PDB file of N, CA and C in Angstrom:
ATOM      1  N   MET A   1     353.358 155.552 -33.219  1.00  0.00           N
ATOM      2  CA  MET A   1     354.234 156.659 -33.612  1.00  0.00           C
ATOM      3  C   MET A   1     353.840 157.047 -34.961  1.00  0.00           C
ATOM      4  N   VAL A   2     353.222 156.003 -35.889  1.00  0.00           N
ATOM      5  CA  VAL A   2     352.892 156.377 -37.370  1.00  0.00           C
ATOM      6  C   VAL A   2     351.746 157.404 -37.180  1.00  0.00           C
ATOM      7  N   LYS A   3     350.848 157.363 -36.238  1.00  0.00           N
ATOM      8  CA  LYS A   3     349.606 158.403 -36.029  1.00  0.00           C
ATOM      9  C   LYS A   3     350.210 159.777 -35.675  1.00  0.00           C
ATOM     10  N   LEU A   4     351.316 159.784 -34.918  1.00  0.00           N
ATOM     11  CA  LEU A   4     351.912 161.085 -34.767  1.00  0.00           C
ATOM     12  C   LEU A   4     352.415 161.774 -36.030  1.00  0.00           C
ATOM     13  N   ILE A   5     353.075 160.987 -36.831  1.00  0.00           N
ATOM     14  CA  ILE A   5     353.808 161.594 -37.930  1.00  0.00           C
ATOM     15  C   ILE A   5     352.659 161.845 -38.876  1.00  0.00           C
ATOM     16  N   LYS A   6     351.385 161.286 -39.026  1.00  0.00           N
ATOM     17  CA  LYS A   6     350.339 161.400 -40.092  1.00  0.00           C
ATOM     18  C   LYS A   6     350.008 162.782 -39.478  1.00  0.00           C
ATOM     19  N   SER A   7     349.796 162.946 -38.201  1.00  0.00           N
ATOM     20  CA  SER A   7     348.908 163.948 -37.509  1.00  0.00           C
ATOM     21  C   SER A   7     349.918 165.285 -37.827  1.00  0.00           C
ATOM     22  N   LEU A   8     351.488 165.078 -37.735  1.00  0.00           N
ATOM     23  CA  LEU A   8     352.027 166.440 -37.879  1.00  0.00           C
ATOM     24  C   LEU A   8     352.047 166.634 -39.300  1.00  0.00           C
ATOM     25  N   LEU A   9     351.912 165.668 -40.446  1.00  0.00           N
ATOM     26  CA  LEU A   9     351.918 166.031 -41.899  1.00  0.00           C
ATOM     27  C   LEU A   9     350.658 166.908 -42.044  1.00  0.00           C
ATOM     28  N   LYS A  10     349.624 166.630 -41.442  1.00  0.00           N
ATOM     29  CA  LYS A  10     348.259 167.330 -41.797  1.00  0.00           C
ATOM     30  C   LYS A  10     348.129 168.398 -40.883  1.00  0.00           C
ATOM     31  N   ASP A  11     349.180 168.494 -39.903  1.00  0.00           N
ATOM     32  CA  ASP A  11     348.792 169.856 -39.047  1.00  0.00           C
ATOM     33  C   ASP A  11     349.048 171.166 -40.225  1.00  0.00           C
ATOM     34  N   ASN A  12     348.219 172.249 -39.834  1.00  0.00           N
ATOM     35  CA  ASN A  12     348.504 173.339 -40.883  1.00  0.00           C
ATOM     36  C   ASN A  12     348.935 174.593 -40.066  1.00  0.00           C
ATOM     37  N   GLY A  13     349.182 174.218 -38.813  1.00  0.00           N
ATOM     38  CA  GLY A  13     349.711 175.329 -37.651  1.00  0.00           C
ATOM     39  C   GLY A  13     350.867 175.950 -37.964  1.00  0.00           C
ATOM     40  N   GLY A  14     351.747 175.297 -38.703  1.00  0.00           N
ATOM     41  CA  GLY A  14     353.076 175.857 -39.127  1.00  0.00           C
ATOM     42  C   GLY A  14     352.903 177.014 -40.015  1.00  0.00           C
ATOM     43  N   ALA A  15     351.514 177.039 -40.798  1.00  0.00           N
ATOM     44  CA  ALA A  15     351.582 178.107 -41.672  1.00  0.00           C
ATOM     45  C   ALA A  15     351.370 179.562 -40.995  1.00  0.00           C
ATOM     46  N   SER A  16     350.707 179.260 -40.116  1.00  0.00           N
ATOM     47  CA  SER A  16     350.516 180.681 -39.268  1.00  0.00           C
ATOM     48  C   SER A  16     351.896 181.150 -38.904  1.00  0.00           C
ATOM     49  N   ALA A  17     352.846 180.275 -38.418  1.00  0.00           N
ATOM     50  CA  ALA A  17     354.137 180.688 -37.805  1.00  0.00           C
ATOM     51  C   ALA A  17     354.797 181.323 -39.030  1.00  0.00           C
ATOM     52  N   ALA A  18     354.703 180.664 -39.999  1.00  0.00           N
ATOM     53  CA  ALA A  18     355.396 181.116 -41.077  1.00  0.00           C
ATOM     54  C   ALA A  18     355.047 182.767 -41.771  1.00  0.00           C
ATOM     55  N   GLU A  19     353.708 182.784 -41.428  1.00  0.00           N
ATOM     56  CA  GLU A  19     353.440 184.001 -41.912  1.00  0.00           C
ATOM     57  C   GLU A  19     353.587 185.366 -41.013  1.00  0.00           C
ATOM     58  N   TYR A  20     353.585 184.754 -39.561  1.00  0.00           N
ATOM     59  CA  TYR A  20     354.113 185.782 -38.709  1.00  0.00           C
ATOM     60  C   TYR A  20     355.714 185.995 -38.770  1.00  0.00           C
ATOM     61  N   ALA A  21     356.448 185.005 -39.208  1.00  0.00           N
ATOM     62  CA  ALA A  21     357.884 185.160 -39.615  1.00  0.00           C
ATOM     63  C   ALA A  21     357.996 186.239 -40.901  1.00  0.00           C
ATOM     64  N   LEU A  22     357.081 186.117 -41.883  1.00  0.00           N
ATOM     65  CA  LEU A  22     357.158 186.930 -43.054  1.00  0.00           C
ATOM     66  C   LEU A  22     356.902 188.679 -42.527  1.00  0.00           C
ATOM     67  N   ILE A  23     355.814 188.381 -41.715  1.00  0.00           N
ATOM     68  CA  ILE A  23     355.333 189.893 -41.140  1.00  0.00           C
ATOM     69  C   ILE A  23     356.537 190.558 -40.562  1.00  0.00           C
ATOM     70  N   LEU A  24     357.046 189.845 -39.571  1.00  0.00           N
ATOM     71  CA  LEU A  24     358.214 190.207 -38.821  1.00  0.00           C
ATOM     72  C   LEU A  24     359.362 190.694 -39.599  1.00  0.00           C
ATOM     73  N   ALA A  25     359.619 190.000 -40.738  1.00  0.00           N
ATOM     74  CA  ALA A  25     360.739 190.390 -41.545  1.00  0.00           C
ATOM     75  C   ALA A  25     360.448 191.577 -42.427  1.00  0.00           C
ATOM     76  N   ILE A  26     359.155 191.678 -42.792  1.00  0.00           N
ATOM     77  CA  ILE A  26     358.756 192.988 -43.680  1.00  0.00           C
ATOM     78  C   ILE A  26     359.005 194.258 -42.526  1.00  0.00           C
ATOM     79  N   VAL A  27     358.456 194.004 -41.282  1.00  0.00           N
ATOM     80  CA  VAL A  27     358.134 195.122 -40.553  1.00  0.00           C
ATOM     81  C   VAL A  27     359.868 195.638 -40.101  1.00  0.00           C
ATOM     82  N   GLY A  28     360.565 194.610 -39.785  1.00  0.00           N
ATOM     83  CA  GLY A  28     362.165 194.793 -39.719  1.00  0.00           C
ATOM     84  C   GLY A  28     362.661 195.314 -40.551  1.00  0.00           C
ATOM     85  N   THR A  29     362.413 195.210 -41.784  1.00  0.00           N
ATOM     86  CA  THR A  29     363.047 195.673 -43.204  1.00  0.00           C
ATOM     87  C   THR A  29     362.548 197.468 -43.248  1.00  0.00           C
ATOM     88  N   ALA A  30     361.179 197.384 -42.778  1.00  0.00           N
ATOM     89  CA  ALA A  30     360.724 198.858 -42.820  1.00  0.00           C
ATOM     90  C   ALA A  30     361.408 199.758 -41.848  1.00  0.00           C
ATOM     91  N   ILE A  31     361.682 199.036 -40.678  1.00  0.00           N
ATOM     92  CA  ILE A  31     362.384 199.828 -39.541  1.00  0.00           C
ATOM     93  C   ILE A  31     363.511 200.136 -39.712  1.00  0.00           C
ATOM     94  N   ALA A  32     364.399 199.232 -40.523  1.00  0.00           N
ATOM     95  CA  ALA A  32     365.945 199.396 -40.949  1.00  0.00           C
ATOM     96  C   ALA A  32     365.759 200.414 -41.912  1.00  0.00           C
ATOM     97  N   GLY A  33     364.974 200.327 -42.929  1.00  0.00           N
ATOM     98  CA  GLY A  33     365.121 201.374 -43.892  1.00  0.00           C
ATOM     99  C   GLY A  33     364.654 202.666 -43.512  1.00  0.00           C
ATOM    100  N   ALA A  34     364.028 202.786 -42.446  1.00  0.00           N
ATOM    101  CA  ALA A  34     363.518 204.320 -41.693  1.00  0.00           C
ATOM    102  C   ALA A  34     364.713 204.741 -41.056  1.00  0.00           C
ATOM    103  N   SER A  35     365.218 203.853 -40.280  1.00  0.00           N
ATOM    104  CA  SER A  35     366.585 204.377 -39.520  1.00  0.00           C
ATOM    105  C   SER A  35     367.551 204.827 -40.399  1.00  0.00           C
ATOM    106  N   ILE A  36     367.899 204.235 -41.595  1.00  0.00           N
ATOM    107  CA  ILE A  36     369.105 204.538 -42.495  1.00  0.00           C
ATOM    108  C   ILE A  36     368.511 205.821 -43.348  1.00  0.00           C
ATOM    109  N   LEU A  37     367.245 205.983 -43.566  1.00  0.00           N
ATOM    110  CA  LEU A  37     367.040 207.320 -44.113  1.00  0.00           C
ATOM    111  C   LEU A  37     366.894 208.581 -43.339  1.00  0.00           C
ATOM    112  N   LEU A  38     366.424 208.327 -42.225  1.00  0.00           N
ATOM    113  CA  LEU A  38     366.373 209.516 -40.965  1.00  0.00           C
ATOM    114  C   LEU A  38     367.441 209.512 -40.092  1.00  0.00           C
ATOM    115  N   GLY A  39     368.472 208.423 -40.217  1.00  0.00           N
ATOM    116  CA  GLY A  39     369.407 208.795 -39.426  1.00  0.00           C
ATOM    117  C   GLY A  39     370.492 210.017 -39.324  1.00  0.00           C
ATOM    118  N   GLU A  40     370.677 210.555 -40.723  1.00  0.00           N
ATOM    119  CA  GLU A  40     371.376 211.691 -40.496  1.00  0.00           C
ATOM    120  C   GLU A  40     370.550 213.095 -40.016  1.00  0.00           C
ATOM    121  N   SER A  41     369.395 212.990 -40.305  1.00  0.00           N
ATOM    122  CA  SER A  41     368.402 214.081 -39.657  1.00  0.00           C
ATOM    123  C   SER A  41     368.586 213.882 -38.269  1.00  0.00           C
ATOM    124  N   ILE A  42     368.346 212.776 -37.656  1.00  0.00           N
ATOM    125  CA  ILE A  42     368.289 212.755 -36.212  1.00  0.00           C
ATOM    126  C   ILE A  42     369.779 212.894 -35.766  1.00  0.00           C
ATOM    127  N   SER A  43     370.753 212.656 -36.225  1.00  0.00           N
ATOM    128  CA  SER A  43     372.148 212.892 -35.748  1.00  0.00           C
ATOM    129  C   SER A  43     372.223 214.345 -35.714  1.00  0.00           C
ATOM    130  N   ASP A  44     371.903 215.066 -36.696  1.00  0.00           N
ATOM    131  CA  ASP A  44     372.211 216.583 -36.854  1.00  0.00           C
ATOM    132  C   ASP A  44     371.528 217.252 -35.686  1.00  0.00           C
ATOM    133  N   ALA A  45     369.970 216.608 -35.458  1.00  0.00           N
ATOM    134  CA  ALA A  45     369.188 217.486 -34.383  1.00  0.00           C
ATOM    135  C   ALA A  45     369.931 217.129 -33.163  1.00  0.00           C
ATOM    136  N   ILE A  46     370.411 215.880 -32.825  1.00  0.00           N
ATOM    137  CA  ILE A  46     371.038 215.666 -31.691  1.00  0.00           C
ATOM    138  C   ILE A  46     372.467 216.538 -31.408  1.00  0.00           C
ATOM    139  N   THR A  47     373.277 216.500 -32.489  1.00  0.00           N
ATOM    140  CA  THR A  47     374.411 217.653 -32.641  1.00  0.00           C
ATOM    141  C   THR A  47     374.102 218.922 -32.071  1.00  0.00           C
ATOM    142  N   ASP A  48     372.899 219.463 -32.833  1.00  0.00           N
ATOM    143  CA  ASP A  48     372.519 220.734 -32.416  1.00  0.00           C
ATOM    144  C   ASP A  48     372.022 220.920 -31.042  1.00  0.00           C
ATOM    145  N   ALA A  49     371.386 220.213 -30.448  1.00  0.00           N
ATOM    146  CA  ALA A  49     371.040 220.123 -29.034  1.00  0.00           C
ATOM    147  C   ALA A  49     371.932 219.904 -28.218  1.00  0.00           C
ATOM    148  N   SER A  50     373.160 219.357 -28.588  1.00  0.00           N
ATOM    149  CA  SER A  50     374.455 219.097 -27.723  1.00  0.00           C
ATOM    150  C   SER A  50     375.061 220.537 -27.840  1.00  0.00           C
ATOM    151  N   THR A  51     375.187 221.071 -28.964  1.00  0.00           N
ATOM    152  CA  THR A  51     375.928 222.257 -29.163  1.00  0.00           C
ATOM    153  C   THR A  51     375.161 223.419 -28.193  1.00  0.00           C
ATOM    154  N   CYS A  52     373.750 223.512 -28.399  1.00  0.00           N
ATOM    155  CA  CYS A  52     372.956 224.314 -27.586  1.00  0.00           C
ATOM    156  C   CYS A  52     373.172 224.321 -26.194  1.00  0.00           C
ATOM    157  N   ILE A  53     373.318 223.002 -25.692  1.00  0.00           N
ATOM    158  CA  ILE A  53     373.561 222.688 -24.335  1.00  0.00           C
ATOM    159  C   ILE A  53     374.872 223.292 -23.731  1.00  0.00           C
ATOM    160  N   SER A  54     375.920 222.742 -24.609  1.00  0.00           N
ATOM    161  CA  SER A  54     377.248 222.977 -24.230  1.00  0.00           C
ATOM    162  C   SER A  54     377.621 224.644 -24.255  1.00  0.00           C
ATOM    163  N   SER A  55     376.942 225.315 -25.021  1.00  0.00           N
ATOM    164  CA  SER A  55     377.175 226.581 -25.246  1.00  0.00           C
ATOM    165  C   SER A  55     376.500 227.545 -24.252  1.00  0.00           C
ATOM    166  N   GLN A  56     375.615 227.010 -23.333  1.00  0.00           N
ATOM    167  CA  GLN A  56     374.519 227.469 -22.662  1.00  0.00           C
ATOM    168  C   GLN A  56     373.731 228.447 -23.195  1.00  0.00           C
ATOM    169  N   GLY A  57     373.169 228.069 -24.354  1.00  0.00           N
ATOM    170  CA  GLY A  57     372.117 228.988 -25.093  1.00  0.00           C
ATOM    171  C   GLY A  57     372.719 229.766 -26.112  1.00  0.00           C
ATOM    172  N   ALA A  58     373.978 230.106 -26.156  1.00  0.00           N
ATOM    173  CA  ALA A  58     374.404 231.225 -26.969  1.00  0.00           C
ATOM    174  C   ALA A  58     374.215 230.510 -28.432  1.00  0.00           C
ATOM    175  N   ASP A  59     374.468 229.496 -28.807  1.00  0.00           N
ATOM    176  CA  ASP A  59     374.209 229.089 -30.072  1.00  0.00           C
ATOM    177  C   ASP A  59     372.841 228.327 -30.619  1.00  0.00           C
ATOM    178  N   CYS A  60     371.944 228.670 -29.689  1.00  0.00           N
ATOM    179  CA  CYS A  60     370.524 227.954 -29.995  1.00  0.00           C
ATOM    180  C   CYS A  60     369.565 228.575 -31.021  1.00  0.00           C
ATOM    181  N   PRO A  61     368.893 228.009 -31.802  1.00  0.00           N
ATOM    182  CA  PRO A  61     367.934 228.793 -32.614  1.00  0.00           C
ATOM    183  C   PRO A  61     366.706 229.260 -31.833  1.00  0.00           C
ATOM    184  N   GLU A  62     365.949 230.309 -32.171  1.00  0.00           N
ATOM    185  CA  GLU A  62     365.063 230.938 -31.720  1.00  0.00           C
ATOM    186  C   GLU A  62     363.824 229.571 -31.374  1.00  0.00           C
ATOM    187  N   ALA A  63     363.008 229.810 -30.175  1.00  0.00           N
ATOM    188  CA  ALA A  63     361.802 229.030 -29.999  1.00  0.00           C
ATOM    189  C   ALA A  63     360.879 229.231 -30.997  1.00  0.00           C
ATOM    190  N   GLY A  64     360.121 228.312 -31.532  1.00  0.00           N
ATOM    191  CA  GLY A  64     359.079 228.410 -32.232  1.00  0.00           C
ATOM    192  C   GLY A  64     359.260 228.337 -33.874  1.00  0.00           C
ATOM    193  N   GLY A  65     360.086 227.656 -34.305  1.00  0.00           N
ATOM    194  CA  GLY A  65     360.354 227.331 -35.832  1.00  0.00           C
ATOM    195  C   GLY A  65     361.707 227.804 -36.121  1.00  0.00           C
ATOM    196  N   GLY A  66     362.711 228.330 -35.435  1.00  0.00           N
ATOM    197  CA  GLY A  66     363.922 228.692 -35.663  1.00  0.00           C
ATOM    198  C   GLY A  66     364.232 229.960 -36.169  1.00  0.00           C
ATOM    199  N   ASP A  67     365.464 230.472 -36.486  1.00  0.00           N
ATOM    200  CA  ASP A  67     365.803 231.803 -36.830  1.00  0.00           C
ATOM    201  C   ASP A  67     364.982 232.219 -38.141  1.00  0.00           C
ATOM    202  N   ALA A  68     364.781 231.617 -39.152  1.00  0.00           N
ATOM    203  CA  ALA A  68     364.173 232.088 -40.528  1.00  0.00           C
ATOM    204  C   ALA A  68     362.907 232.385 -40.193  1.00  0.00           C
ATOM    205  N   GLY A  69     361.993 231.569 -39.539  1.00  0.00           N
ATOM    206  CA  GLY A  69     360.554 231.820 -39.200  1.00  0.00           C
ATOM    207  C   GLY A  69     360.304 233.075 -38.236  1.00  0.00           C
ATOM    208  N   GLY A  70     361.273 233.149 -37.336  1.00  0.00           N
ATOM    209  CA  GLY A  70     360.837 234.283 -36.332  1.00  0.00           C
ATOM    210  C   GLY A  70     361.710 235.609 -37.043  1.00  0.00           C
ATOM    211  N   ASP A  71     362.530 235.656 -37.622  1.00  0.00           N
ATOM    212  CA  ASP A  71     363.014 236.833 -38.152  1.00  0.00           C
ATOM    213  C   ASP A  71     362.267 237.322 -39.384  1.00  0.00           C
ATOM    214  N   ALA A  72     361.900 236.340 -40.372  1.00  0.00           N
ATOM    215  CA  ALA A  72     361.255 236.852 -41.376  1.00  0.00           C
ATOM    216  C   ALA A  72     359.880 237.408 -41.058  1.00  0.00           C
ATOM    217  N   GLY A  73     359.110 236.906 -40.148  1.00  0.00           N
ATOM    218  CA  GLY A  73     357.835 237.394 -39.626  1.00  0.00           C
ATOM    219  C   GLY A  73     358.067 239.012 -38.975  1.00  0.00           C
ATOM    220  N   GLY A  74     358.964 239.014 -38.284  1.00  0.00           N
ATOM    221  CA  GLY A  74     359.216 240.376 -37.437  1.00  0.00           C
ATOM    222  C   GLY A  74     359.649 241.446 -38.354  1.00  0.00           C
ATOM    223  N   ASP A  75     360.543 240.971 -39.228  1.00  0.00           N
ATOM    224  CA  ASP A  75     361.113 242.183 -39.946  1.00  0.00           C
ATOM    225  C   ASP A  75     360.289 242.500 -41.107  1.00  0.00           C
ATOM    226  N   ALA A  76     359.358 241.671 -41.806  1.00  0.00           N
ATOM    227  CA  ALA A  76     358.343 242.015 -42.696  1.00  0.00           C
ATOM    228  C   ALA A  76     357.441 243.055 -42.200  1.00  0.00           C
ATOM    229  N   GLY A  77     356.893 242.359 -41.087  1.00  0.00           N
ATOM    230  CA  GLY A  77     355.971 243.462 -40.451  1.00  0.00           C
ATOM    231  C   GLY A  77     356.334 244.771 -40.121  1.00  0.00           C
ATOM    232  N   GLY A  78     357.497 244.739 -39.515  1.00  0.00           N
ATOM    233  CA  GLY A  78     357.822 246.193 -38.791  1.00  0.00           C
ATOM    234  C   GLY A  78     358.462 247.015 -40.136  1.00  0.00           C
ATOM    235  N   ASP A  79     359.112 246.581 -41.299  1.00  0.00           N
ATOM    236  CA  ASP A  79     359.209 247.439 -42.338  1.00  0.00           C
ATOM    237  C   ASP A  79     357.894 247.914 -43.010  1.00  0.00           C
ATOM    238  N   ALA A  80     356.985 246.892 -43.185  1.00  0.00           N
ATOM    239  CA  ALA A  80     355.849 247.592 -43.840  1.00  0.00           C
ATOM    240  C   ALA A  80     355.210 248.490 -43.155  1.00  0.00           C
ATOM    241  N   GLY A  81     355.130 248.154 -41.818  1.00  0.00           N
ATOM    242  CA  GLY A  81     354.188 249.190 -41.148  1.00  0.00           C
ATOM    243  C   GLY A  81     355.074 250.568 -41.024  1.00  0.00           C
ATOM    244  N   GLY A  82     356.393 250.530 -40.852  1.00  0.00           N
ATOM    245  CA  GLY A  82     357.067 251.792 -40.873  1.00  0.00           C
ATOM    246  C   GLY A  82     357.142 252.661 -42.265  1.00  0.00           C
ATOM    247  N   ASP A  83     357.089 251.799 -43.345  1.00  0.00           N
ATOM    248  CA  ASP A  83     356.877 252.479 -44.840  1.00  0.00           C
ATOM    249  C   ASP A  83     355.575 253.100 -44.782  1.00  0.00           C
ATOM    250  N   ALA A  84     354.509 252.358 -44.629  1.00  0.00           N
ATOM    251  CA  ALA A  84     353.416 253.108 -44.602  1.00  0.00           C
ATOM    252  C   ALA A  84     353.101 254.246 -43.736  1.00  0.00           C
ATOM    253  N   GLY A  85     353.582 254.057 -42.613  1.00  0.00           N
ATOM    254  CA  GLY A  85     353.273 255.262 -41.767  1.00  0.00           C
ATOM    255  C   GLY A  85     354.065 256.498 -42.238  1.00  0.00           C
ATOM    256  N   GLY A  86     355.147 256.430 -42.726  1.00  0.00           N
ATOM    257  CA  GLY A  86     355.894 257.506 -43.138  1.00  0.00           C
ATOM    258  C   GLY A  86     355.424 258.099 -44.693  1.00  0.00           C
ATOM    259  N   ALA A  87     354.498 257.250 -45.411  1.00  0.00           N
ATOM    260  CA  ALA A  87     354.140 257.596 -46.620  1.00  0.00           C
ATOM    261  C   ALA A  87     353.153 258.707 -46.504  1.00  0.00           C
TER     262      ALA A  87
END
């Protein structure tokens, strides 16, 4: 019995378990922090998708970057070409 207690006191295997627990705590904290920071953005994206589906596409942004990216490129190119051709 005494030999068992001495061997348990000398055993350093518990140190690796403590290190794993510390790593798990750090990773868990990082995941929780990221979910708190990104939660509103994810919620907004899911709400937008739900609105798009329930409206059968009437309230959906354009594919390929949304309304701002698609409209700005098309309008700028068309206006510049029309002005140059008319001058």
